[in-house]
Amino acid sequence: MHEFSVAQNIVEIVTGSFRNSGAKKIVSVEIDVGTLSGVIIDALEFAMNSAKKESPIENAIVKINDIQAKAKCNECKKEFELSDFFSICTYCSSTNFEIIKGKELKVKSIEVE
């Protein structure tokens, strides 16, 4: 389960930012996870609960946003949702498209006091 190493990296990123901020407490952390990122959100939530123990984010609220993948077709120019990398345009059945959203895996925000 690589989600645990992802969770550990998130804790390190947030902890580093917190220590550099001079703040007293981390209130919340918001994470964006795209459906094509290769990360399973339920597994990441489980891993975060373990990884954040005995860290500055132990008592922080962790919100994970599920970002639905979208693409723009290079043939018909329409946007459509993707279920995986091997999808086809739902309008013209083309496989010639650009993924515009859904590969994200990032710390979106950190709220401190």
Protein backbone atom coordinates (compact mmCIF):
# COMPACT_ATOMS: atom_id res chain seq x y z
CA MET A 1 0.00 0.00 0.00
CA HIS A 2 1.86 3.07 -1.25
CA GLU A 3 -0.75 5.34 0.32
CA PHE A 4 1.13 5.11 3.62
CA SER A 5 4.29 6.57 2.07
CA VAL A 6 2.12 9.25 0.43
CA ALA A 7 0.60 10.03 3.85
CA GLN A 8 4.06 10.24 5.44
CA ASN A 9 5.19 12.66 2.71
CA ILE A 10 2.09 14.81 3.25
CA VAL A 11 2.82 14.95 6.99
CA GLU A 12 6.43 15.96 6.25
CA ILE A 13 5.34 18.69 3.81
CA VAL A 14 2.75 20.10 6.20
CA THR A 15 5.08 19.89 9.20
CA GLY A 16 7.85 21.69 7.30
CA SER A 17 5.52 24.49 6.23
CA PHE A 18 4.13 24.77 9.76
CA ARG A 19 7.57 25.06 11.36
CA ASN A 20 8.58 27.75 8.87
CA SER A 21 5.37 29.73 9.46
CA GLY A 22 5.85 30.52 13.14
CA ALA A 23 2.23 29.49 13.81
CA LYS A 24 1.21 27.79 17.04
CA LYS A 25 -1.17 25.14 15.78
CA ILE A 26 -2.36 23.42 12.60
CA VAL A 27 -6.14 23.57 12.41
CA SER A 28 -6.79 21.80 9.11
CA VAL A 29 -5.16 20.37 6.01
CA GLU A 30 -6.87 20.05 2.64
CA ILE A 31 -5.58 17.58 0.05
CA ASP A 32 -6.59 17.19 -3.62
CA VAL A 33 -6.47 13.65 -5.02
CA GLY A 34 -7.33 13.07 -8.67
CA THR A 35 -9.11 9.92 -9.78
CA LEU A 36 -6.19 9.18 -12.12
CA SER A 37 -3.47 9.82 -9.48
CA GLY A 38 -3.19 6.15 -8.56
CA VAL A 39 -4.11 6.89 -4.94
CA ILE A 40 -7.12 5.22 -3.33
CA ILE A 41 -8.82 7.80 -1.12
CA ASP A 42 -10.10 5.33 1.51
CA ALA A 43 -6.60 3.89 1.86
CA LEU A 44 -5.09 7.39 2.09
CA GLU A 45 -7.57 8.38 4.83
CA PHE A 46 -6.62 5.27 6.80
CA ALA A 47 -2.90 5.93 6.27
CA MET A 48 -3.25 9.62 7.24
CA ASN A 49 -4.85 8.66 10.57
CA SER A 50 -1.78 6.60 11.36
CA ALA A 51 0.89 8.90 9.86
CA LYS A 52 -0.30 12.05 11.62
CA LYS A 53 0.00 10.57 15.12
CA GLU A 54 2.61 12.30 17.29
CA SER A 55 3.08 15.03 14.67
CA PRO A 56 1.99 18.69 14.57
CA ILE A 57 -1.08 17.67 12.54
CA GLU A 58 -2.25 14.99 14.97
CA ASN A 59 -5.33 17.00 16.01
CA ALA A 60 -5.89 18.78 12.69
CA ILE A 61 -8.89 18.14 10.49
CA VAL A 62 -7.76 16.45 7.27
CA LYS A 63 -10.07 16.93 4.30
CA ILE A 64 -9.42 14.94 1.13
CA ASN A 65 -11.04 16.20 -2.07
CA ASP A 66 -11.79 13.65 -4.79
CA ILE A 67 -11.02 15.39 -8.10
CA GLN A 68 -12.87 13.77 -11.01
CA ALA A 69 -10.71 13.35 -14.11
CA LYS A 70 -11.63 15.37 -17.18
CA ALA A 71 -10.22 15.59 -20.67
CA LYS A 72 -10.60 17.82 -23.70
CA CYS A 73 -11.00 16.08 -27.02
CA ASN A 74 -8.59 17.27 -29.71
CA GLU A 75 -11.08 16.25 -32.42
CA CYS A 76 -14.46 17.68 -31.34
CA LYS A 77 -13.02 20.12 -28.72
CA LYS A 78 -15.52 19.06 -26.05
CA GLU A 79 -14.69 18.28 -22.42
CA PHE A 80 -15.72 14.97 -20.88
CA GLU A 81 -15.14 12.93 -17.72
CA LEU A 82 -12.62 10.11 -17.76
CA SER A 83 -12.91 6.87 -15.85
CA ASP A 84 -9.36 5.75 -16.73
CA PHE A 85 -6.44 6.51 -19.06
CA PHE A 86 -7.93 4.30 -21.79
CA SER A 87 -11.25 6.12 -22.11
CA ILE A 88 -12.65 7.51 -25.32
CA CYS A 89 -14.40 10.80 -25.99
CA THR A 90 -18.03 10.40 -25.00
CA TYR A 91 -19.09 12.70 -27.85
CA CYS A 92 -17.13 11.50 -30.90
CA SER A 93 -15.39 8.29 -29.68
CA SER A 94 -11.92 9.69 -30.37
CA THR A 95 -8.91 8.58 -28.35
CA ASN A 96 -7.09 11.82 -29.19
CA PHE A 97 -7.53 13.93 -26.06
CA GLU A 98 -5.63 15.90 -23.42
CA ILE A 99 -6.16 15.18 -19.73
CA ILE A 100 -6.93 18.54 -18.10
CA LYS A 101 -7.82 17.44 -14.58
CA GLY A 102 -7.62 14.36 -12.39
CA LYS A 103 -3.92 13.53 -11.99
CA GLU A 104 -3.53 15.84 -8.98
CA LEU A 105 -2.00 14.78 -5.71
CA LYS A 106 -1.24 17.88 -3.69
CA VAL A 107 -1.62 19.66 -0.40
CA LYS A 108 -4.14 22.32 -1.37
CA SER A 109 -4.17 24.30 1.87
CA ILE A 110 -2.98 24.39 5.45
CA GLU A 111 -4.94 26.39 8.03
CA VAL A 112 -2.96 27.47 11.10
CA GLU A 113 -3.48 29.59 14.21
